[in-house]
Amino acid sequence: MPWVRLSEERLDPLLRFLGPRESGCVAFTERLHTNRRLHVPSRRHCQVIVREERAETITGAILQGLNGVFYPVLDPARPCVEQEAAARLLGVSRRLFSILGRSVDVTALEAVLPRRPSQQLDYHLMSQSDPPPEPALPRLPRGMVIREVGEEAARHLFDIQKKYEIEEVLLPGSTFSPGATLEHLKQTLRDQIVLVAEVEGVPVGKVNTNARGIFYDQVGGMFTERSLRSRGVGTALMLRLLQRIAADRKTATLFVKKDNVAALRLYAGIGFSVEDEFRITYYR
C-alpha cells in the first residue's frame, strides 16, 4: 500500500483515522492544529506520511520531527510498516533519536529502520475514564498555594525542573544540561499549561501538559519535593490541572512507568485507567 505525504485533501481522512486513537498520539495531533484551526504542519518542522488504502481511507500515519523524533500510529488491523515508509522518511532526514507511541506501533516502525534501538522504556498509557473525585487532603503543607505560571517563571521553576529531569528524564550515561533545560522549560511555559505548588513562595511541586491535542491534553512533568511526598501535593496539583483541562472541553491522558506504583495509585484514584501499553525507544 502506498505511503504518501500528507496534503490538504488528506487532512480530513487523517483526522478521522487519528480521532479514535488520539489518547495515544496527542503529540502528533498537536502538530495538526493551532487553537483548533486544522492545518498541514510546516515542512520546516516535521513531515507527515500516511498509508492510503484507497481514496479517503487511511490505515497508518507517521509524523517525523526534524529533531529525529518519530510518532507512528497504525490501524490495529494493519499493525505493520512497509519498507517503503522507512525509505521515504529517511530520504528526508536520517536523524534518528527516538520513537514514541503505543507499543505495537513503535515495535512495527523499529522493525524497518536500519539501526537497532539503544534503549526501550515501557509505560502504561492511561486516560481519564471517570470524573475526578474530591478527596480530602488533610496533610497538605500549611500555607501551600497552587497557581498557573507562564514564561516569566522560568528561572523561578528551574531548580525543581532540574530535580525532575535528573530523577525522571535523564537516561543512563546522559549529562544534565542547564542551558538545554532552561530553554525547554521556557518553551513549555509558553506553549503548555503549567501549575506550580508553592510554600512561602518556594516551589515544592509542579505538573504540566506536555502536548495539547484536539480533544485530549497529555499530562506530564509531575514532580513533588521528596520531603513532601505522600502528603497530597501531587493529587492537589493533578486535580487542579484536570479542572483546567476540562474547562477547555478536553480529556486528560498520560503515560507512566510500569514500576511507578505510587504514581499508578495516584492516577487510578483520580479517575484514570490503563488503556494500552506505551513505548519510547531511543537511539544513539
C-alpha atoms as a PDB file:
ATOM      1  CA  MET A   1       0.000   0.000   0.000  1.00  0.00           C
ATOM      2  CA  PRO A   2       1.403   3.439  -0.916  1.00  0.00           C
ATOM      3  CA  TRP A   3       2.755   5.790   1.729  1.00  0.00           C
ATOM      4  CA  VAL A   4       2.331   9.391   0.603  1.00  0.00           C
ATOM      5  CA  ARG A   5       2.989  12.813   2.049  1.00  0.00           C
ATOM      6  CA  LEU A   6       0.118  14.465   3.902  1.00  0.00           C
ATOM      7  CA  SER A   7      -1.688  17.089   1.831  1.00  0.00           C
ATOM      8  CA  GLU A   8      -4.670  19.346   2.482  1.00  0.00           C
ATOM      9  CA  GLU A   9      -7.078  16.940   0.774  1.00  0.00           C
ATOM     10  CA  ARG A  10      -5.870  14.104   3.009  1.00  0.00           C
ATOM     11  CA  LEU A  11      -6.198  16.101   6.238  1.00  0.00           C
ATOM     12  CA  ASP A  12      -9.842  15.219   6.951  1.00  0.00           C
ATOM     13  CA  PRO A  13      -9.324  11.456   6.340  1.00  0.00           C
ATOM     14  CA  LEU A  14      -6.259  11.600   8.598  1.00  0.00           C
ATOM     15  CA  LEU A  15      -8.237  13.237  11.401  1.00  0.00           C
ATOM     16  CA  ARG A  16     -10.971  10.612  11.063  1.00  0.00           C
ATOM     17  CA  PHE A  17      -8.264   7.966  11.446  1.00  0.00           C
ATOM     18  CA  LEU A  18      -6.473   9.611  14.375  1.00  0.00           C
ATOM     19  CA  GLY A  19      -9.605  10.686  16.256  1.00  0.00           C
ATOM     20  CA  PRO A  20     -10.441   7.354  17.945  1.00  0.00           C
ATOM     21  CA  ARG A  21      -6.721   6.867  18.723  1.00  0.00           C
ATOM     22  CA  GLU A  22      -5.863  10.377  19.902  1.00  0.00           C
ATOM     23  CA  SER A  23      -5.316   9.458  23.555  1.00  0.00           C
ATOM     24  CA  GLY A  24      -2.110   7.692  22.477  1.00  0.00           C
ATOM     25  CA  CYS A  25      -0.862  10.249  19.942  1.00  0.00           C
ATOM     26  CA  VAL A  26      -1.518  13.720  21.379  1.00  0.00           C
ATOM     27  CA  ALA A  27       1.978  14.906  20.445  1.00  0.00           C
ATOM     28  CA  PHE A  28       1.052  14.055  16.829  1.00  0.00           C
ATOM     29  CA  THR A  29      -2.352  15.772  16.756  1.00  0.00           C
ATOM     30  CA  GLU A  30      -0.853  18.825  18.481  1.00  0.00           C
ATOM     31  CA  ARG A  31       1.086  19.487  15.266  1.00  0.00           C
ATOM     32  CA  LEU A  32      -2.126  19.455  13.202  1.00  0.00           C
ATOM     33  CA  HIS A  33      -3.882  22.435  14.751  1.00  0.00           C
ATOM     34  CA  THR A  34      -3.357  25.924  16.091  1.00  0.00           C
ATOM     35  CA  ASN A  35      -6.098  26.891  18.555  1.00  0.00           C
ATOM     36  CA  ARG A  36      -8.134  24.065  16.993  1.00  0.00           C
ATOM     37  CA  ARG A  37      -7.766  25.504  13.479  1.00  0.00           C
ATOM     38  CA  LEU A  38      -6.643  22.459  11.493  1.00  0.00           C
ATOM     39  CA  HIS A  39      -3.726  22.563   9.068  1.00  0.00           C
ATOM     40  CA  VAL A  40      -0.964  20.506   7.468  1.00  0.00           C
ATOM     41  CA  PRO A  41       2.181  21.106   9.560  1.00  0.00           C
ATOM     42  CA  SER A  42       5.022  23.119   8.081  1.00  0.00           C
ATOM     43  CA  ARG A  43       7.799  21.060   6.494  1.00  0.00           C
ATOM     44  CA  ARG A  44      10.286  23.318   8.256  1.00  0.00           C
ATOM     45  CA  HIS A  45       9.468  21.452  11.475  1.00  0.00           C
ATOM     46  CA  CYS A  46       8.228  17.985  10.511  1.00  0.00           C
ATOM     47  CA  GLN A  47       6.745  15.823   7.815  1.00  0.00           C
ATOM     48  CA  VAL A  48       3.746  13.507   7.946  1.00  0.00           C
ATOM     49  CA  ILE A  49       3.287  10.494   5.710  1.00  0.00           C
ATOM     50  CA  VAL A  50       0.115   8.403   5.540  1.00  0.00           C
ATOM     51  CA  ARG A  51      -0.774   4.945   4.236  1.00  0.00           C
ATOM     52  CA  GLU A  52      -3.717   5.365   1.906  1.00  0.00           C
ATOM     53  CA  GLU A  53      -5.560   2.101   1.248  1.00  0.00           C
ATOM     54  CA  ARG A  54      -7.959   3.790  -1.154  1.00  0.00           C
ATOM     55  CA  ALA A  55      -9.341   7.292  -1.621  1.00  0.00           C
ATOM     56  CA  GLU A  56     -10.075   8.898   1.754  1.00  0.00           C
ATOM     57  CA  THR A  57      -9.214   5.740   3.720  1.00  0.00           C
ATOM     58  CA  ILE A  58      -6.053   5.948   5.823  1.00  0.00           C
ATOM     59  CA  THR A  59      -4.698   2.974   7.788  1.00  0.00           C
ATOM     60  CA  GLY A  60      -1.436   4.378   9.083  1.00  0.00           C
ATOM     61  CA  ALA A  61       0.358   7.649   9.705  1.00  0.00           C
ATOM     62  CA  ILE A  62       3.854   8.635  10.852  1.00  0.00           C
ATOM     63  CA  LEU A  63       4.971  12.077  11.961  1.00  0.00           C
ATOM     64  CA  GLN A  64       8.715  12.670  11.631  1.00  0.00           C
ATOM     65  CA  GLY A  65      10.168  15.612  13.512  1.00  0.00           C
ATOM     66  CA  LEU A  66      13.305  17.090  12.055  1.00  0.00           C
ATOM     67  CA  ASN A  67      14.829  16.578  15.509  1.00  0.00           C
ATOM     68  CA  GLY A  68      14.754  12.815  14.849  1.00  0.00           C
ATOM     69  CA  VAL A  69      11.616  12.001  16.870  1.00  0.00           C
ATOM     70  CA  PHE A  70       9.010   9.743  15.217  1.00  0.00           C
ATOM     71  CA  TYR A  71       5.342   9.240  16.125  1.00  0.00           C
ATOM     72  CA  PRO A  72       3.744   6.224  14.381  1.00  0.00           C
ATOM     73  CA  VAL A  73       0.009   5.483  14.525  1.00  0.00           C
ATOM     74  CA  LEU A  74      -1.276   2.303  12.870  1.00  0.00           C
ATOM     75  CA  ASP A  75      -4.612   0.610  12.304  1.00  0.00           C
ATOM     76  CA  PRO A  76      -4.772  -2.424  14.670  1.00  0.00           C
ATOM     77  CA  ALA A  77      -5.905  -4.471  11.664  1.00  0.00           C
ATOM     78  CA  ARG A  78      -2.688  -3.497   9.835  1.00  0.00           C
ATOM     79  CA  PRO A  79      -0.043  -3.205  12.594  1.00  0.00           C
ATOM     80  CA  CYS A  80       2.919  -3.090  10.241  1.00  0.00           C
ATOM     81  CA  VAL A  81       5.092  -0.527   8.482  1.00  0.00           C
ATOM     82  CA  GLU A  82       6.261  -1.247   4.956  1.00  0.00           C
ATOM     83  CA  GLN A  83       9.886  -0.683   3.964  1.00  0.00           C
ATOM     84  CA  GLU A  84       8.666   1.975   1.551  1.00  0.00           C
ATOM     85  CA  ALA A  85       7.696   4.149   4.519  1.00  0.00           C
ATOM     86  CA  ALA A  86      11.162   3.909   6.074  1.00  0.00           C
ATOM     87  CA  ALA A  87      12.778   4.854   2.766  1.00  0.00           C
ATOM     88  CA  ARG A  88      10.514   7.877   2.416  1.00  0.00           C
ATOM     89  CA  LEU A  89      11.184   9.024   5.968  1.00  0.00           C
ATOM     90  CA  LEU A  90      14.957   8.584   5.869  1.00  0.00           C
ATOM     91  CA  GLY A  91      15.078  10.241   2.469  1.00  0.00           C
ATOM     92  CA  VAL A  92      14.079  13.490   4.184  1.00  0.00           C
ATOM     93  CA  SER A  93      16.400  13.151   7.177  1.00  0.00           C
ATOM     94  CA  ARG A  94      18.468  10.279   8.508  1.00  0.00           C
ATOM     95  CA  ARG A  95      18.458  11.728  12.010  1.00  0.00           C
ATOM     96  CA  LEU A  96      17.033   9.163  14.422  1.00  0.00           C
ATOM     97  CA  PHE A  97      16.658   9.990  18.106  1.00  0.00           C
ATOM     98  CA  SER A  98      13.500   8.310  19.388  1.00  0.00           C
ATOM     99  CA  ILE A  99      10.128   6.741  18.583  1.00  0.00           C
ATOM    100  CA  LEU A 100       7.063   7.345  20.769  1.00  0.00           C
ATOM    101  CA  GLY A 101       3.632   5.737  20.690  1.00  0.00           C
ATOM    102  CA  ARG A 102       1.549   2.721  21.510  1.00  0.00           C
ATOM    103  CA  SER A 103       3.912  -0.195  21.942  1.00  0.00           C
ATOM    104  CA  VAL A 104       2.654  -2.200  18.958  1.00  0.00           C
ATOM    105  CA  ASP A 105       3.068   0.807  16.642  1.00  0.00           C
ATOM    106  CA  VAL A 106       6.569   1.633  17.890  1.00  0.00           C
ATOM    107  CA  THR A 107       7.646  -2.001  17.502  1.00  0.00           C
ATOM    108  CA  ALA A 108       6.403  -2.031  13.907  1.00  0.00           C
ATOM    109  CA  LEU A 109       8.435   1.052  12.971  1.00  0.00           C
ATOM    110  CA  GLU A 110      11.526  -0.226  14.795  1.00  0.00           C
ATOM    111  CA  ALA A 111      11.431  -3.329  12.590  1.00  0.00           C
ATOM    112  CA  VAL A 112      12.003  -1.437   9.313  1.00  0.00           C
ATOM    113  CA  LEU A 113      14.608   1.102  10.459  1.00  0.00           C
ATOM    114  CA  PRO A 114      18.282   0.389   9.711  1.00  0.00           C
ATOM    115  CA  ARG A 115      19.560   0.824  13.301  1.00  0.00           C
ATOM    116  CA  ARG A 116      18.811  -1.101  16.452  1.00  0.00           C
ATOM    117  CA  PRO A 117      17.499   0.836  19.465  1.00  0.00           C
ATOM    118  CA  SER A 118      19.892   1.553  22.308  1.00  0.00           C
ATOM    119  CA  GLN A 119      17.140   1.663  24.925  1.00  0.00           C
ATOM    120  CA  GLN A 120      13.420   0.920  25.198  1.00  0.00           C
ATOM    121  CA  LEU A 121      11.219   2.233  28.004  1.00  0.00           C
ATOM    122  CA  ASP A 122       7.757   0.756  28.515  1.00  0.00           C
ATOM    123  CA  TYR A 123       4.838   2.542  30.151  1.00  0.00           C
ATOM    124  CA  HIS A 124       1.137   2.209  30.827  1.00  0.00           C
ATOM    125  CA  LEU A 125      -0.974   4.564  28.716  1.00  0.00           C
ATOM    126  CA  MET A 126      -3.735   5.897  30.972  1.00  0.00           C
ATOM    127  CA  SER A 127      -6.678   8.124  30.180  1.00  0.00           C
ATOM    128  CA  GLN A 128      -9.306   9.801  32.267  1.00  0.00           C
ATOM    129  CA  SER A 129     -12.268   7.424  32.333  1.00  0.00           C
ATOM    130  CA  ASP A 130     -14.243   8.893  35.249  1.00  0.00           C
ATOM    131  CA  PRO A 131     -14.757  12.385  36.631  1.00  0.00           C
ATOM    132  CA  PRO A 132     -12.150  13.044  39.323  1.00  0.00           C
ATOM    133  CA  PRO A 133     -13.392  12.730  42.899  1.00  0.00           C
ATOM    134  CA  GLU A 134     -12.849  15.383  45.532  1.00  0.00           C
ATOM    135  CA  PRO A 135     -10.712  13.548  48.080  1.00  0.00           C
ATOM    136  CA  ALA A 136      -9.892  15.020  51.456  1.00  0.00           C
ATOM    137  CA  LEU A 137      -6.289  16.228  51.564  1.00  0.00           C
ATOM    138  CA  PRO A 138      -5.756  16.813  55.284  1.00  0.00           C
ATOM    139  CA  ARG A 139      -1.950  16.553  55.213  1.00  0.00           C
ATOM    140  CA  LEU A 140      -1.249  19.274  52.669  1.00  0.00           C
ATOM    141  CA  PRO A 141       1.625  21.528  53.745  1.00  0.00           C
ATOM    142  CA  ARG A 142       0.397  24.537  55.696  1.00  0.00           C
ATOM    143  CA  GLY A 143       0.021  27.623  53.514  1.00  0.00           C
ATOM    144  CA  MET A 144       0.526  25.789  50.202  1.00  0.00           C
ATOM    145  CA  VAL A 145      -0.866  27.573  47.161  1.00  0.00           C
ATOM    146  CA  ILE A 146      -1.222  26.377  43.568  1.00  0.00           C
ATOM    147  CA  ARG A 147      -1.047  28.785  40.659  1.00  0.00           C
ATOM    148  CA  GLU A 148      -0.684  28.729  36.888  1.00  0.00           C
ATOM    149  CA  VAL A 149       2.511  30.304  35.590  1.00  0.00           C
ATOM    150  CA  GLY A 150       3.957  31.500  32.281  1.00  0.00           C
ATOM    151  CA  GLU A 151       7.351  32.081  30.722  1.00  0.00           C
ATOM    152  CA  GLU A 152       8.257  34.754  33.273  1.00  0.00           C
ATOM    153  CA  ALA A 153       8.534  31.976  35.883  1.00  0.00           C
ATOM    154  CA  ALA A 154      11.283  30.033  34.078  1.00  0.00           C
ATOM    155  CA  ARG A 155      14.107  30.835  36.486  1.00  0.00           C
ATOM    156  CA  HIS A 156      11.776  30.544  39.476  1.00  0.00           C
ATOM    157  CA  LEU A 157      10.995  26.942  38.450  1.00  0.00           C
ATOM    158  CA  PHE A 158      14.473  25.990  37.253  1.00  0.00           C
ATOM    159  CA  ASP A 159      15.637  24.186  40.406  1.00  0.00           C
ATOM    160  CA  ILE A 160      12.553  21.984  40.685  1.00  0.00           C
ATOM    161  CA  GLN A 161      12.655  21.290  36.932  1.00  0.00           C
ATOM    162  CA  LYS A 162      16.292  20.214  37.325  1.00  0.00           C
ATOM    163  CA  LYS A 163      15.356  17.772  40.089  1.00  0.00           C
ATOM    164  CA  TYR A 164      12.519  16.379  37.974  1.00  0.00           C
ATOM    165  CA  GLU A 165      14.736  15.822  34.929  1.00  0.00           C
ATOM    166  CA  ILE A 166      17.524  14.165  36.924  1.00  0.00           C
ATOM    167  CA  GLU A 167      15.065  11.828  38.653  1.00  0.00           C
ATOM    168  CA  GLU A 168      12.619  11.087  35.831  1.00  0.00           C
ATOM    169  CA  VAL A 169      14.011  12.054  32.429  1.00  0.00           C
ATOM    170  CA  LEU A 170      17.774  11.633  32.070  1.00  0.00           C
ATOM    171  CA  LEU A 171      18.829   8.353  30.501  1.00  0.00           C
ATOM    172  CA  PRO A 172      21.719   6.346  31.990  1.00  0.00           C
ATOM    173  CA  GLY A 173      25.003   7.858  30.860  1.00  0.00           C
ATOM    174  CA  SER A 174      23.423  11.214  29.984  1.00  0.00           C
ATOM    175  CA  THR A 175      24.625  14.507  31.450  1.00  0.00           C
ATOM    176  CA  PHE A 176      22.339  17.222  32.751  1.00  0.00           C
ATOM    177  CA  SER A 177      22.467  20.367  30.581  1.00  0.00           C
ATOM    178  CA  PRO A 178      21.371  23.554  32.408  1.00  0.00           C
ATOM    179  CA  GLY A 179      21.096  25.570  29.202  1.00  0.00           C
ATOM    180  CA  ALA A 180      19.004  23.000  27.357  1.00  0.00           C
ATOM    181  CA  THR A 181      16.761  22.548  30.394  1.00  0.00           C
ATOM    182  CA  LEU A 182      16.127  26.282  30.714  1.00  0.00           C
ATOM    183  CA  GLU A 183      15.257  26.638  27.020  1.00  0.00           C
ATOM    184  CA  HIS A 184      12.940  23.624  27.112  1.00  0.00           C
ATOM    185  CA  LEU A 185      11.294  24.960  30.277  1.00  0.00           C
ATOM    186  CA  LYS A 186      10.694  28.340  28.624  1.00  0.00           C
ATOM    187  CA  GLN A 187       9.070  26.648  25.629  1.00  0.00           C
ATOM    188  CA  THR A 188       6.858  24.546  27.906  1.00  0.00           C
ATOM    189  CA  LEU A 189       5.799  27.650  29.813  1.00  0.00           C
ATOM    190  CA  ARG A 190       4.927  29.357  26.501  1.00  0.00           C
ATOM    191  CA  ASP A 191       3.003  26.511  24.912  1.00  0.00           C
ATOM    192  CA  GLN A 192       1.553  24.401  27.729  1.00  0.00           C
ATOM    193  CA  ILE A 193      -0.454  24.625  30.934  1.00  0.00           C
ATOM    194  CA  VAL A 194       1.999  24.710  33.853  1.00  0.00           C
ATOM    195  CA  LEU A 195       0.922  24.646  37.512  1.00  0.00           C
ATOM    196  CA  VAL A 196       3.244  25.086  40.470  1.00  0.00           C
ATOM    197  CA  ALA A 197       2.638  24.379  44.158  1.00  0.00           C
ATOM    198  CA  GLU A 198       4.447  26.780  46.496  1.00  0.00           C
ATOM    199  CA  VAL A 199       5.019  27.099  50.220  1.00  0.00           C
ATOM    200  CA  GLU A 200       6.077  30.591  51.296  1.00  0.00           C
ATOM    201  CA  GLY A 201       6.852  31.375  47.666  1.00  0.00           C
ATOM    202  CA  VAL A 202       9.165  28.379  47.170  1.00  0.00           C
ATOM    203  CA  PRO A 203       8.192  25.776  44.515  1.00  0.00           C
ATOM    204  CA  VAL A 204       7.566  22.354  46.117  1.00  0.00           C
ATOM    205  CA  GLY A 205       5.721  20.629  43.284  1.00  0.00           C
ATOM    206  CA  LYS A 206       4.714  21.045  39.664  1.00  0.00           C
ATOM    207  CA  VAL A 207       2.723  19.492  36.854  1.00  0.00           C
ATOM    208  CA  ASN A 208       2.061  20.471  33.254  1.00  0.00           C
ATOM    209  CA  THR A 209       0.657  19.379  29.957  1.00  0.00           C
ATOM    210  CA  ASN A 210       3.349  18.319  27.509  1.00  0.00           C
ATOM    211  CA  ALA A 211       1.120  18.120  24.436  1.00  0.00           C
ATOM    212  CA  ARG A 212      -2.219  19.767  23.654  1.00  0.00           C
ATOM    213  CA  GLY A 213      -4.212  17.888  21.047  1.00  0.00           C
ATOM    214  CA  ILE A 214      -7.651  18.388  19.554  1.00  0.00           C
ATOM    215  CA  PHE A 215      -9.788  16.505  22.079  1.00  0.00           C
ATOM    216  CA  TYR A 216      -7.078  15.368  24.522  1.00  0.00           C
ATOM    217  CA  ASP A 217      -4.351  17.034  26.565  1.00  0.00           C
ATOM    218  CA  GLN A 218      -1.364  14.907  27.581  1.00  0.00           C
ATOM    219  CA  VAL A 219      -0.189  15.356  31.165  1.00  0.00           C
ATOM    220  CA  GLY A 220       3.473  15.183  32.171  1.00  0.00           C
ATOM    221  CA  GLY A 221       6.136  16.782  34.304  1.00  0.00           C
ATOM    222  CA  MET A 222       4.626  15.704  37.636  1.00  0.00           C
ATOM    223  CA  PHE A 223       7.080  16.217  40.478  1.00  0.00           C
ATOM    224  CA  THR A 224       6.937  16.769  44.255  1.00  0.00           C
ATOM    225  CA  GLU A 225       9.838  17.507  46.579  1.00  0.00           C
ATOM    226  CA  ARG A 226      10.881  14.292  48.331  1.00  0.00           C
ATOM    227  CA  SER A 227      10.295  15.714  51.815  1.00  0.00           C
ATOM    228  CA  LEU A 228       6.631  16.423  50.974  1.00  0.00           C
ATOM    229  CA  ARG A 229       5.669  13.233  49.166  1.00  0.00           C
ATOM    230  CA  SER A 230       2.610  11.250  50.343  1.00  0.00           C
ATOM    231  CA  ARG A 231       1.017  14.443  51.644  1.00  0.00           C
ATOM    232  CA  GLY A 232      -1.397  15.092  48.795  1.00  0.00           C
ATOM    233  CA  VAL A 233       0.667  17.664  46.885  1.00  0.00           C
ATOM    234  CA  GLY A 234       0.663  15.667  43.658  1.00  0.00           C
ATOM    235  CA  THR A 235      -3.032  14.855  43.957  1.00  0.00           C
ATOM    236  CA  ALA A 236      -3.896  18.506  44.560  1.00  0.00           C
ATOM    237  CA  LEU A 237      -1.856  19.570  41.518  1.00  0.00           C
ATOM    238  CA  MET A 238      -3.447  16.912  39.309  1.00  0.00           C
ATOM    239  CA  LEU A 239      -6.990  17.806  40.364  1.00  0.00           C
ATOM    240  CA  ARG A 240      -6.370  21.470  39.592  1.00  0.00           C
ATOM    241  CA  LEU A 241      -4.873  20.577  36.193  1.00  0.00           C
ATOM    242  CA  LEU A 242      -7.824  18.304  35.370  1.00  0.00           C
ATOM    243  CA  GLN A 243     -10.175  21.185  36.134  1.00  0.00           C
ATOM    244  CA  ARG A 244      -8.180  23.400  33.792  1.00  0.00           C
ATOM    245  CA  ILE A 245      -8.228  20.780  31.018  1.00  0.00           C
ATOM    246  CA  ALA A 246     -11.965  20.178  31.468  1.00  0.00           C
ATOM    247  CA  ALA A 247     -12.573  23.922  31.153  1.00  0.00           C
ATOM    248  CA  ASP A 248     -11.201  23.608  27.605  1.00  0.00           C
ATOM    249  CA  ARG A 249     -13.612  20.686  26.987  1.00  0.00           C
ATOM    250  CA  LYS A 250     -10.806  18.168  26.676  1.00  0.00           C
ATOM    251  CA  THR A 251      -9.919  14.843  28.277  1.00  0.00           C
ATOM    252  CA  ALA A 252      -6.633  14.106  30.024  1.00  0.00           C
ATOM    253  CA  THR A 253      -4.256  11.309  29.073  1.00  0.00           C
ATOM    254  CA  LEU A 254      -0.761  10.355  30.237  1.00  0.00           C
ATOM    255  CA  PHE A 255       1.814   7.571  30.283  1.00  0.00           C
ATOM    256  CA  VAL A 256       3.527   6.327  33.415  1.00  0.00           C
ATOM    257  CA  LYS A 257       6.357   3.882  34.072  1.00  0.00           C
ATOM    258  CA  LYS A 258       5.017   0.435  34.862  1.00  0.00           C
ATOM    259  CA  ASP A 259       7.029   0.163  38.077  1.00  0.00           C
ATOM    260  CA  ASN A 260       5.952   3.566  39.440  1.00  0.00           C
ATOM    261  CA  VAL A 261       3.488   2.144  41.951  1.00  0.00           C
ATOM    262  CA  ALA A 262       2.875   5.449  43.750  1.00  0.00           C
ATOM    263  CA  ALA A 263       2.005   7.285  40.540  1.00  0.00           C
ATOM    264  CA  LEU A 264      -0.220   4.469  39.311  1.00  0.00           C
ATOM    265  CA  ARG A 265      -2.110   4.542  42.609  1.00  0.00           C
ATOM    266  CA  LEU A 266      -2.460   8.329  42.448  1.00  0.00           C
ATOM    267  CA  TYR A 267      -3.796   8.334  38.881  1.00  0.00           C
ATOM    268  CA  ALA A 268      -6.195   5.437  39.474  1.00  0.00           C
ATOM    269  CA  GLY A 269      -7.531   7.295  42.500  1.00  0.00           C
ATOM    270  CA  ILE A 270      -8.474  10.355  40.459  1.00  0.00           C
ATOM    271  CA  GLY A 271     -10.297   8.644  37.621  1.00  0.00           C
ATOM    272  CA  PHE A 272      -7.602   7.309  35.263  1.00  0.00           C
ATOM    273  CA  SER A 273      -7.477   3.756  33.949  1.00  0.00           C
ATOM    274  CA  VAL A 274      -4.950   1.822  31.873  1.00  0.00           C
ATOM    275  CA  GLU A 275      -5.922   1.938  28.205  1.00  0.00           C
ATOM    276  CA  ASP A 276      -2.931   0.417  26.420  1.00  0.00           C
ATOM    277  CA  GLU A 277       0.836  -0.066  26.539  1.00  0.00           C
ATOM    278  CA  PHE A 278       3.115   2.804  25.505  1.00  0.00           C
ATOM    279  CA  ARG A 279       6.773   2.763  24.495  1.00  0.00           C
ATOM    280  CA  ILE A 280       9.599   5.231  23.956  1.00  0.00           C
ATOM    281  CA  THR A 281      12.559   3.856  22.030  1.00  0.00           C
ATOM    282  CA  TYR A 282      15.890   5.692  21.980  1.00  0.00           C
ATOM    283  CA  TYR A 283      18.773   5.516  19.509  1.00  0.00           C
ATOM    284  CA  ARG A 284      22.385   6.567  19.923  1.00  0.00           C
END
